[in-house]
Each structure stands twice: as C-alpha cells, then as structure tokens.
Amino acid sequence: MKRFAVFLVALATCAAASFPAAAAQQAPQPGAVTVSLGTMETVLSDYSLDAKAALNTLDQARSGYRDKKEWGEITQADRDTLSAAELTYRDTFRHLVLSAKRQYLTYCADSSLLSADEAAAQNARAQLETDAAMLRQGYLSQNAYNESLENSQKLDAAARAQDTKVTQGRK
C-alpha cells in the first residue's frame, strides 16, 4: 500500500511539472513578428518599381479579360495573356522576396563579421597598450612593439572597412 501511495505522489509530481512547460511552448511569443506574403506584397508594391510594373500589367490583363468576358468575346489568346500576366507577377514577387532574403542574410553575416572585427581590433589595442608599457620598462624590443602597432592598425582598418560595408556609408 505504501508503494502504491508513493507511486501516486511521484506520478502527480511528474504530471504537474510537465504542464507549465507545455503551456510555455504553446503561448505566443510577445516580441514575435509575423511576416506573410500579404505584408511583403504591400511593402514591395510600395517600394519596388519591378513589383509596381508587374502589378500594373496584371491589373491591365485582368481588366481586359473582364471586359471581353462581359461582351462574350473571350478567346484562348485572352486566357493565355491573363495566365502569362499572373505567372509574371508571381515570378516577379518570388524573385523579389528571394532577393530580400539574400540581402538580409548577407547583412546578418556582415554584421557578425563586423562584431568579430571590432572585438579583434579592441583586443589588439589592449595588447598594444600592454606592449607600450612593457617597452617603457625595457621588457620588450622596439621591433616587437612595431609589429604589435602594425597588427593593431591592420585590425582597426579591417573593422572600419567592415563597418563601411555594413552601414554602406549611412552613419
């Protein structure tokens, strides 16, 4: 009987511990951003000339098709024109979305490299300060200090170049 009671207590403890974890997994994240094709379509049609041109072509093809449909004059060529406009529109937006994804991934990679370059430059400056103190006390040769100075300058230049690449001169 005691074993059965211990088993029930252990089972209840395990069950109670698993519910908060499941609830946390299902709860919506407070800072999550939802990106859908509808939101991308709105942004791209506002800011991209290619998207505006494709949307305009599609609208013209649809209105021409509707006009001919009202008069009963639809031909296979009209259907093909509408289909081609829809395919062009879809392909244009697919290309623009993929291009935006590539640009974002490139930006993320460049930002990561910028962080690494800035950290390396900061470490080189700290090493240069240490080497300067050692040079003043006579524990380091002038050649070793010059190498440290050159290394620090190279890393600073690399960090500045990466910063220019990431910000594209927008600072």
N, C-alpha and C. Protein backbone atom coordinates (compact mmCIF):
# COMPACT_ATOMS: atom_id res chain seq x y z
N MET A 1 0.81 -1.18 0.00
CA MET A 1 0.00 0.00 0.00
C MET A 1 0.87 1.27 0.00
N LYS A 2 1.97 1.23 0.76
CA LYS A 2 2.86 2.39 0.81
C LYS A 2 3.49 2.63 -0.55
N ARG A 3 3.85 1.55 -1.23
CA ARG A 3 4.45 1.69 -2.55
C ARG A 3 3.47 2.33 -3.53
N PHE A 4 2.23 1.93 -3.42
CA PHE A 4 1.21 2.48 -4.31
C PHE A 4 1.02 3.98 -4.04
N ALA A 5 1.04 4.38 -2.79
CA ALA A 5 0.89 5.79 -2.43
C ALA A 5 2.09 6.60 -2.92
N VAL A 6 3.29 6.06 -2.78
CA VAL A 6 4.50 6.73 -3.27
C VAL A 6 4.44 6.86 -4.79
N PHE A 7 3.97 5.82 -5.45
CA PHE A 7 3.83 5.85 -6.90
C PHE A 7 2.85 6.95 -7.34
N LEU A 8 1.72 7.08 -6.65
CA LEU A 8 0.74 8.12 -6.99
C LEU A 8 1.32 9.52 -6.77
N VAL A 9 2.05 9.72 -5.68
CA VAL A 9 2.66 11.02 -5.41
C VAL A 9 3.69 11.36 -6.49
N ALA A 10 4.52 10.39 -6.87
CA ALA A 10 5.52 10.61 -7.91
C ALA A 10 4.87 10.90 -9.25
N LEU A 11 3.80 10.19 -9.57
CA LEU A 11 3.08 10.41 -10.81
C LEU A 11 2.46 11.80 -10.84
N ALA A 12 1.88 12.22 -9.74
CA ALA A 12 1.27 13.55 -9.66
C ALA A 12 2.33 14.64 -9.78
N THR A 13 3.49 14.43 -9.18
CA THR A 13 4.58 15.41 -9.27
C THR A 13 5.08 15.54 -10.71
N CYS A 14 5.27 14.42 -11.38
CA CYS A 14 5.73 14.45 -12.77
C CYS A 14 4.70 15.12 -13.67
N ALA A 15 3.44 14.81 -13.46
CA ALA A 15 2.39 15.40 -14.29
C ALA A 15 2.29 16.90 -14.06
N ALA A 16 2.41 17.33 -12.82
CA ALA A 16 2.31 18.76 -12.52
C ALA A 16 3.51 19.53 -13.08
N ALA A 17 4.66 18.91 -13.10
CA ALA A 17 5.86 19.58 -13.61
C ALA A 17 5.83 19.72 -15.13
N SER A 18 5.12 18.83 -15.82
CA SER A 18 5.13 18.88 -17.28
C SER A 18 4.13 19.88 -17.84
N PHE A 19 3.10 20.25 -17.13
CA PHE A 19 2.09 21.17 -17.65
C PHE A 19 2.62 22.58 -17.89
N PRO A 20 3.39 23.19 -17.00
CA PRO A 20 3.89 24.54 -17.29
C PRO A 20 4.80 24.59 -18.51
N ALA A 21 5.59 23.55 -18.73
CA ALA A 21 6.47 23.54 -19.89
C ALA A 21 5.65 23.49 -21.17
N ALA A 22 4.60 22.68 -21.18
CA ALA A 22 3.76 22.60 -22.37
C ALA A 22 3.02 23.91 -22.59
N ALA A 23 2.60 24.54 -21.52
CA ALA A 23 1.90 25.82 -21.65
C ALA A 23 2.84 26.90 -22.18
N ALA A 24 4.09 26.87 -21.78
CA ALA A 24 5.06 27.86 -22.25
C ALA A 24 5.35 27.67 -23.74
N GLN A 25 5.35 26.43 -24.19
CA GLN A 25 5.61 26.17 -25.60
C GLN A 25 4.46 26.67 -26.47
N GLN A 26 3.24 26.60 -25.97
CA GLN A 26 2.08 26.97 -26.77
C GLN A 26 1.75 28.45 -26.67
N ALA A 27 2.29 29.14 -25.69
CA ALA A 27 1.97 30.56 -25.51
C ALA A 27 2.63 31.37 -26.62
N PRO A 28 1.93 32.38 -27.13
CA PRO A 28 2.53 33.21 -28.17
C PRO A 28 3.68 34.03 -27.61
N GLN A 29 4.69 34.22 -28.43
CA GLN A 29 5.85 34.98 -28.01
C GLN A 29 5.53 36.47 -28.09
N PRO A 30 5.88 37.24 -27.06
CA PRO A 30 5.47 38.65 -27.02
C PRO A 30 6.11 39.52 -28.10
N GLY A 31 7.33 39.24 -28.50
CA GLY A 31 8.02 40.10 -29.47
C GLY A 31 8.08 39.49 -30.85
N ALA A 32 7.28 38.46 -31.13
CA ALA A 32 7.37 37.78 -32.41
C ALA A 32 6.76 38.65 -33.52
N VAL A 33 7.39 38.63 -34.66
CA VAL A 33 6.91 39.37 -35.82
C VAL A 33 6.46 38.35 -36.85
N THR A 34 5.26 38.54 -37.37
CA THR A 34 4.74 37.63 -38.38
C THR A 34 4.87 38.29 -39.74
N VAL A 35 5.56 37.60 -40.64
CA VAL A 35 5.72 38.10 -41.99
C VAL A 35 4.95 37.17 -42.91
N SER A 36 4.06 37.73 -43.68
CA SER A 36 3.30 36.93 -44.63
C SER A 36 3.48 37.52 -46.02
N LEU A 37 3.03 36.76 -47.01
CA LEU A 37 3.15 37.24 -48.38
C LEU A 37 2.33 38.51 -48.57
N GLY A 38 1.21 38.62 -47.85
CA GLY A 38 0.39 39.83 -47.95
C GLY A 38 1.13 41.07 -47.49
N THR A 39 1.85 40.96 -46.37
CA THR A 39 2.60 42.12 -45.90
C THR A 39 3.79 42.41 -46.81
N MET A 40 4.44 41.37 -47.29
CA MET A 40 5.56 41.57 -48.21
C MET A 40 5.07 42.19 -49.51
N GLU A 41 3.90 41.74 -49.98
CA GLU A 41 3.36 42.25 -51.23
C GLU A 41 3.07 43.75 -51.12
N THR A 42 2.52 44.16 -49.99
CA THR A 42 2.23 45.57 -49.78
C THR A 42 3.50 46.40 -49.77
N VAL A 43 4.49 45.94 -49.04
CA VAL A 43 5.75 46.69 -48.94
C VAL A 43 6.46 46.73 -50.29
N LEU A 44 6.53 45.59 -50.96
CA LEU A 44 7.22 45.55 -52.25
C LEU A 44 6.50 46.38 -53.30
N SER A 45 5.17 46.35 -53.30
CA SER A 45 4.45 47.14 -54.31
C SER A 45 4.59 48.64 -54.04
N ASP A 46 4.85 49.01 -52.80
CA ASP A 46 5.07 50.43 -52.48
C ASP A 46 6.47 50.90 -52.86
N TYR A 47 7.47 50.04 -52.72
CA TYR A 47 8.86 50.49 -52.84
C TYR A 47 9.64 49.91 -54.02
N SER A 48 9.08 48.96 -54.75
CA SER A 48 9.82 48.33 -55.83
C SER A 48 9.17 48.66 -57.18
N LEU A 49 9.95 49.20 -58.09
CA LEU A 49 9.42 49.51 -59.42
C LEU A 49 9.06 48.25 -60.19
N ASP A 50 9.85 47.18 -60.01
CA ASP A 50 9.55 45.92 -60.68
C ASP A 50 8.20 45.38 -60.22
N ALA A 51 7.95 45.46 -58.92
CA ALA A 51 6.67 44.97 -58.38
C ALA A 51 5.52 45.83 -58.88
N LYS A 52 5.72 47.14 -58.94
CA LYS A 52 4.67 48.02 -59.45
C LYS A 52 4.35 47.71 -60.91
N ALA A 53 5.39 47.48 -61.71
CA ALA A 53 5.18 47.18 -63.13
C ALA A 53 4.45 45.85 -63.30
N ALA A 54 4.83 44.83 -62.52
CA ALA A 54 4.17 43.54 -62.62
C ALA A 54 2.71 43.64 -62.17
N LEU A 55 2.46 44.38 -61.11
CA LEU A 55 1.09 44.56 -60.62
C LEU A 55 0.25 45.33 -61.64
N ASN A 56 0.83 46.34 -62.27
CA ASN A 56 0.12 47.11 -63.29
C ASN A 56 -0.22 46.23 -64.49
N THR A 57 0.73 45.42 -64.93
CA THR A 57 0.49 44.52 -66.05
C THR A 57 -0.61 43.52 -65.72
N LEU A 58 -0.57 42.98 -64.51
CA LEU A 58 -1.60 42.04 -64.09
C LEU A 58 -2.97 42.71 -64.03
N ASP A 59 -3.04 43.91 -63.49
CA ASP A 59 -4.32 44.63 -63.42
C ASP A 59 -4.87 44.92 -64.82
N GLN A 60 -4.00 45.30 -65.74
CA GLN A 60 -4.45 45.55 -67.11
C GLN A 60 -4.96 44.28 -67.77
N ALA A 61 -4.24 43.17 -67.56
CA ALA A 61 -4.68 41.90 -68.15
C ALA A 61 -6.01 41.46 -67.55
N ARG A 62 -6.19 41.64 -66.26
CA ARG A 62 -7.46 41.25 -65.62
C ARG A 62 -8.61 42.12 -66.11
N SER A 63 -8.37 43.43 -66.20
CA SER A 63 -9.46 44.30 -66.65
C SER A 63 -9.81 44.02 -68.12
N GLY A 64 -8.81 43.77 -68.95
CA GLY A 64 -9.08 43.41 -70.34
C GLY A 64 -9.85 42.11 -70.45
N TYR A 65 -9.49 41.15 -69.62
CA TYR A 65 -10.19 39.86 -69.62
C TYR A 65 -11.64 40.04 -69.17
N ARG A 66 -11.84 40.84 -68.10
CA ARG A 66 -13.21 41.09 -67.60
C ARG A 66 -14.06 41.80 -68.66
N ASP A 67 -13.47 42.77 -69.33
CA ASP A 67 -14.21 43.49 -70.36
C ASP A 67 -14.65 42.56 -71.48
N LYS A 68 -13.73 41.71 -71.92
CA LYS A 68 -14.07 40.79 -73.01
C LYS A 68 -15.05 39.73 -72.54
N LYS A 69 -14.96 39.37 -71.25
CA LYS A 69 -15.88 38.37 -70.71
C LYS A 69 -17.30 38.92 -70.67
N GLU A 70 -17.45 40.21 -70.36
CA GLU A 70 -18.77 40.84 -70.33
C GLU A 70 -19.41 40.84 -71.72
N TRP A 71 -18.62 41.01 -72.75
CA TRP A 71 -19.14 41.05 -74.11
C TRP A 71 -19.16 39.66 -74.75
N GLY A 72 -18.62 38.65 -74.05
CA GLY A 72 -18.64 37.29 -74.58
C GLY A 72 -17.65 37.07 -75.70
N GLU A 73 -16.58 37.83 -75.73
CA GLU A 73 -15.60 37.74 -76.81
C GLU A 73 -14.28 37.12 -76.35
N ILE A 74 -14.31 36.25 -75.37
CA ILE A 74 -13.07 35.67 -74.84
C ILE A 74 -12.52 34.63 -75.80
N THR A 75 -11.23 34.74 -76.09
CA THR A 75 -10.55 33.75 -76.91
C THR A 75 -9.46 33.08 -76.07
N GLN A 76 -8.87 32.07 -76.64
CA GLN A 76 -7.78 31.37 -75.95
C GLN A 76 -6.59 32.30 -75.75
N ALA A 77 -6.38 33.20 -76.67
CA ALA A 77 -5.27 34.16 -76.56
C ALA A 77 -5.49 35.08 -75.35
N ASP A 78 -6.74 35.45 -75.08
CA ASP A 78 -7.03 36.29 -73.92
C ASP A 78 -6.74 35.53 -72.62
N ARG A 79 -7.13 34.26 -72.60
CA ARG A 79 -6.84 33.43 -71.41
C ARG A 79 -5.33 33.27 -71.23
N ASP A 80 -4.64 33.07 -72.33
CA ASP A 80 -3.18 32.92 -72.26
C ASP A 80 -2.50 34.20 -71.79
N THR A 81 -3.01 35.34 -72.24
CA THR A 81 -2.46 36.62 -71.81
C THR A 81 -2.63 36.82 -70.32
N LEU A 82 -3.83 36.51 -69.81
CA LEU A 82 -4.08 36.63 -68.38
C LEU A 82 -3.20 35.66 -67.59
N SER A 83 -3.09 34.44 -68.08
CA SER A 83 -2.26 33.44 -67.40
C SER A 83 -0.79 33.87 -67.39
N ALA A 84 -0.32 34.41 -68.50
CA ALA A 84 1.08 34.87 -68.57
C ALA A 84 1.31 36.03 -67.62
N ALA A 85 0.34 36.94 -67.52
CA ALA A 85 0.48 38.08 -66.60
C ALA A 85 0.51 37.59 -65.15
N GLU A 86 -0.32 36.61 -64.82
CA GLU A 86 -0.32 36.06 -63.46
C GLU A 86 1.00 35.37 -63.14
N LEU A 87 1.52 34.60 -64.11
CA LEU A 87 2.80 33.93 -63.90
C LEU A 87 3.94 34.94 -63.75
N THR A 88 3.93 35.97 -64.56
CA THR A 88 4.96 37.01 -64.46
C THR A 88 4.90 37.70 -63.11
N TYR A 89 3.69 37.99 -62.67
CA TYR A 89 3.51 38.64 -61.37
C TYR A 89 4.04 37.75 -60.25
N ARG A 90 3.66 36.48 -60.27
CA ARG A 90 4.12 35.55 -59.24
C ARG A 90 5.64 35.39 -59.26
N ASP A 91 6.20 35.24 -60.46
CA ASP A 91 7.65 35.08 -60.57
C ASP A 91 8.40 36.33 -60.12
N THR A 92 7.85 37.49 -60.46
CA THR A 92 8.48 38.75 -60.04
C THR A 92 8.51 38.85 -58.52
N PHE A 93 7.39 38.55 -57.88
CA PHE A 93 7.35 38.64 -56.42
C PHE A 93 8.22 37.56 -55.78
N ARG A 94 8.25 36.38 -56.35
CA ARG A 94 9.11 35.33 -55.81
C ARG A 94 10.57 35.76 -55.89
N HIS A 95 10.95 36.34 -57.03
CA HIS A 95 12.33 36.82 -57.20
C HIS A 95 12.65 37.94 -56.20
N LEU A 96 11.72 38.87 -56.03
CA LEU A 96 11.96 39.98 -55.11
C LEU A 96 12.06 39.51 -53.66
N VAL A 97 11.23 38.54 -53.28
CA VAL A 97 11.29 38.01 -51.91
C VAL A 97 12.60 37.27 -51.69
N LEU A 98 13.01 36.46 -52.66
CA LEU A 98 14.29 35.76 -52.53
C LEU A 98 15.46 36.74 -52.48
N SER A 99 15.38 37.79 -53.26
CA SER A 99 16.43 38.81 -53.24
C SER A 99 16.49 39.49 -51.88
N ALA A 100 15.33 39.80 -51.32
CA ALA A 100 15.30 40.43 -49.99
C ALA A 100 15.86 39.49 -48.93
N LYS A 101 15.55 38.20 -49.04
CA LYS A 101 16.10 37.23 -48.08
C LYS A 101 17.62 37.16 -48.19
N ARG A 102 18.12 37.12 -49.43
CA ARG A 102 19.57 37.07 -49.62
C ARG A 102 20.25 38.32 -49.06
N GLN A 103 19.66 39.47 -49.30
CA GLN A 103 20.24 40.71 -48.79
C GLN A 103 20.23 40.72 -47.27
N TYR A 104 19.16 40.21 -46.67
CA TYR A 104 19.09 40.17 -45.20
C TYR A 104 20.14 39.22 -44.64
N LEU A 105 20.29 38.04 -45.26
CA LEU A 105 21.30 37.09 -44.78
C LEU A 105 22.71 37.65 -44.95
N THR A 106 22.95 38.34 -46.05
CA THR A 106 24.25 38.97 -46.25
C THR A 106 24.51 40.02 -45.19
N TYR A 107 23.48 40.81 -44.89
CA TYR A 107 23.61 41.83 -43.84
C TYR A 107 23.91 41.18 -42.49
N CYS A 108 23.21 40.09 -42.17
CA CYS A 108 23.45 39.41 -40.89
C CYS A 108 24.88 38.87 -40.82
N ALA A 109 25.35 38.27 -41.92
CA ALA A 109 26.72 37.75 -41.93
C ALA A 109 27.74 38.88 -41.80
N ASP A 110 27.51 39.97 -42.52
CA ASP A 110 28.43 41.11 -42.43
C ASP A 110 28.41 41.73 -41.04
N SER A 111 27.24 41.79 -40.42
CA SER A 111 27.16 42.33 -39.05
C SER A 111 27.91 41.45 -38.07
N SER A 112 27.82 40.15 -38.27
CA SER A 112 28.55 39.23 -37.41
C SER A 112 30.06 39.40 -37.59
N LEU A 113 30.49 39.54 -38.84
CA LEU A 113 31.91 39.78 -39.10
C LEU A 113 32.36 41.11 -38.52
N LEU A 114 31.49 42.11 -38.58
CA LEU A 114 31.82 43.41 -38.00
C LEU A 114 32.04 43.28 -36.50
N SER A 115 31.18 42.55 -35.82
CA SER A 115 31.35 42.36 -34.38
C SER A 115 32.67 41.66 -34.08
N ALA A 116 32.99 40.64 -34.87
CA ALA A 116 34.25 39.92 -34.66
C ALA A 116 35.45 40.83 -34.94
N ASP A 117 35.37 41.62 -36.01
CA ASP A 117 36.48 42.52 -36.34
C ASP A 117 36.66 43.60 -35.28
N GLU A 118 35.55 44.13 -34.77
CA GLU A 118 35.65 45.15 -33.71
C GLU A 118 36.25 44.57 -32.44
N ALA A 119 35.87 43.33 -32.11
CA ALA A 119 36.44 42.69 -30.92
C ALA A 119 37.93 42.44 -31.11
N ALA A 120 38.33 41.98 -32.30
CA ALA A 120 39.75 41.74 -32.57
C ALA A 120 40.53 43.05 -32.52
N ALA A 121 39.97 44.12 -33.05
CA ALA A 121 40.65 45.42 -33.01
C ALA A 121 40.77 45.92 -31.57
N GLN A 122 39.74 45.73 -30.77
CA GLN A 122 39.79 46.14 -29.36
C GLN A 122 40.86 45.34 -28.61
N ASN A 123 40.92 44.04 -28.88
CA ASN A 123 41.95 43.21 -28.24
C ASN A 123 43.35 43.63 -28.67
N ALA A 124 43.50 43.98 -29.95
CA ALA A 124 44.81 44.43 -30.43
C ALA A 124 45.20 45.76 -29.80
N ARG A 125 44.23 46.66 -29.59
CA ARG A 125 44.54 47.94 -28.92
C ARG A 125 44.97 47.69 -27.47
N ALA A 126 44.29 46.77 -26.81
CA ALA A 126 44.67 46.45 -25.43
C ALA A 126 46.07 45.84 -25.39
N GLN A 127 46.37 44.96 -26.35
CA GLN A 127 47.70 44.37 -26.42
C GLN A 127 48.75 45.43 -26.72
N LEU A 128 48.40 46.40 -27.56
CA LEU A 128 49.32 47.48 -27.88
C LEU A 128 49.63 48.32 -26.65
N GLU A 129 48.61 48.60 -25.84
CA GLU A 129 48.84 49.35 -24.60
C GLU A 129 49.74 48.57 -23.65
N THR A 130 49.52 47.26 -23.58
CA THR A 130 50.38 46.42 -22.73
C THR A 130 51.81 46.42 -23.26
N ASP A 131 51.94 46.29 -24.59
CA ASP A 131 53.27 46.29 -25.18
C ASP A 131 53.98 47.63 -24.99
N ALA A 132 53.22 48.73 -25.03
CA ALA A 132 53.83 50.05 -24.81
C ALA A 132 54.36 50.15 -23.39
N ALA A 133 53.60 49.64 -22.43
CA ALA A 133 54.07 49.67 -21.04
C ALA A 133 55.31 48.79 -20.88
N MET A 134 55.31 47.63 -21.53
CA MET A 134 56.47 46.74 -21.44
C MET A 134 57.68 47.36 -22.13
N LEU A 135 57.46 48.10 -23.23
CA LEU A 135 58.56 48.76 -23.93
C LEU A 135 59.17 49.85 -23.04
N ARG A 136 58.33 50.62 -22.35
CA ARG A 136 58.83 51.68 -21.47
C ARG A 136 59.66 51.10 -20.32
N GLN A 137 59.28 49.91 -19.86
CA GLN A 137 60.01 49.30 -18.75
C GLN A 137 61.21 48.48 -19.22
N GLY A 138 61.36 48.32 -20.53
CA GLY A 138 62.52 47.62 -21.06
C GLY A 138 62.33 46.12 -21.21
N TYR A 139 61.11 45.63 -21.09
CA TYR A 139 60.87 44.19 -21.22
C TYR A 139 60.54 43.76 -22.64
N LEU A 140 60.41 44.70 -23.56
CA LEU A 140 60.01 44.39 -24.93
C LEU A 140 60.88 45.19 -25.90
N SER A 141 61.22 44.58 -27.02
CA SER A 141 62.05 45.27 -28.01
C SER A 141 61.19 46.21 -28.86
N GLN A 142 61.86 47.16 -29.48
CA GLN A 142 61.15 48.13 -30.33
C GLN A 142 60.53 47.41 -31.53
N ASN A 143 61.19 46.39 -32.07
CA ASN A 143 60.65 45.65 -33.22
C ASN A 143 59.36 44.93 -32.85
N ALA A 144 59.31 44.32 -31.68
CA ALA A 144 58.10 43.63 -31.24
C ALA A 144 56.96 44.63 -31.04
N TYR A 145 57.28 45.80 -30.51
CA TYR A 145 56.26 46.84 -30.34
C TYR A 145 55.75 47.32 -31.71
N ASN A 146 56.66 47.50 -32.66
CA ASN A 146 56.26 47.94 -34.00
C ASN A 146 55.36 46.90 -34.67
N GLU A 147 55.65 45.62 -34.47
CA GLU A 147 54.79 44.56 -35.01
C GLU A 147 53.39 44.62 -34.38
N SER A 148 53.35 44.86 -33.09
CA SER A 148 52.07 44.97 -32.40
C SER A 148 51.30 46.20 -32.89
N LEU A 149 52.00 47.30 -33.12
CA LEU A 149 51.37 48.52 -33.63
C LEU A 149 50.82 48.28 -35.03
N GLU A 150 51.60 47.63 -35.88
CA GLU A 150 51.16 47.33 -37.24
C GLU A 150 49.93 46.42 -37.24
N ASN A 151 49.95 45.41 -36.37
CA ASN A 151 48.82 44.49 -36.26
C ASN A 151 47.56 45.24 -35.81
N SER A 152 47.72 46.12 -34.84
CA SER A 152 46.59 46.90 -34.34
C SER A 152 46.02 47.80 -35.44
N GLN A 153 46.89 48.42 -36.21
CA GLN A 153 46.43 49.30 -37.29
C GLN A 153 45.71 48.51 -38.38
N LYS A 154 46.22 47.32 -38.71
CA LYS A 154 45.56 46.47 -39.71
C LYS A 154 44.17 46.05 -39.25
N LEU A 155 44.06 45.65 -37.99
CA LEU A 155 42.76 45.22 -37.47
C LEU A 155 41.78 46.39 -37.37
N ASP A 156 42.27 47.57 -37.01
CA ASP A 156 41.40 48.76 -37.00
C ASP A 156 40.89 49.08 -38.40
N ALA A 157 41.78 48.99 -39.39
CA ALA A 157 41.38 49.26 -40.77
C ALA A 157 40.36 48.23 -41.26
N ALA A 158 40.56 46.96 -40.89
CA ALA A 158 39.61 45.91 -41.28
C ALA A 158 38.24 46.15 -40.64
N ALA A 159 38.24 46.58 -39.38
CA ALA A 159 36.96 46.86 -38.70
C ALA A 159 36.27 48.06 -39.34
N ARG A 160 37.02 49.09 -39.70
CA ARG A 160 36.42 50.26 -40.36
C ARG A 160 35.86 49.88 -41.73
N ALA A 161 36.60 49.05 -42.47
CA ALA A 161 36.13 48.62 -43.79
C ALA A 161 34.85 47.80 -43.67
N GLN A 162 34.80 46.91 -42.68
CA GLN A 162 33.60 46.10 -42.48
C GLN A 162 32.43 46.98 -42.03
N ASP A 163 32.71 47.98 -41.21
CA ASP A 163 31.66 48.91 -40.78
C ASP A 163 31.10 49.68 -41.97
N THR A 164 31.97 50.10 -42.86
CA THR A 164 31.53 50.81 -44.06
C THR A 164 30.69 49.89 -44.94
N LYS A 165 31.07 48.62 -45.01
CA LYS A 165 30.32 47.66 -45.82
C LYS A 165 28.93 47.43 -45.23
N VAL A 166 28.85 47.32 -43.92
CA VAL A 166 27.56 47.04 -43.27
C VAL A 166 26.65 48.26 -43.33
N THR A 167 27.19 49.42 -42.99
CA THR A 167 26.35 50.62 -42.94
C THR A 167 26.20 51.28 -44.30
N GLN A 168 27.05 50.93 -45.24
CA GLN A 168 27.04 51.49 -46.59
C GLN A 168 27.07 53.01 -46.55
N GLY A 169 27.87 53.54 -45.64
CA GLY A 169 28.07 54.98 -45.54
C GLY A 169 26.87 55.74 -45.00
N ARG A 170 25.99 55.09 -44.26
CA ARG A 170 24.77 55.74 -43.77
C ARG A 170 24.89 56.28 -42.36
N LYS A 171 26.08 56.32 -41.82
CA LYS A 171 26.25 56.83 -40.44
C LYS A 171 26.20 58.32 -40.41
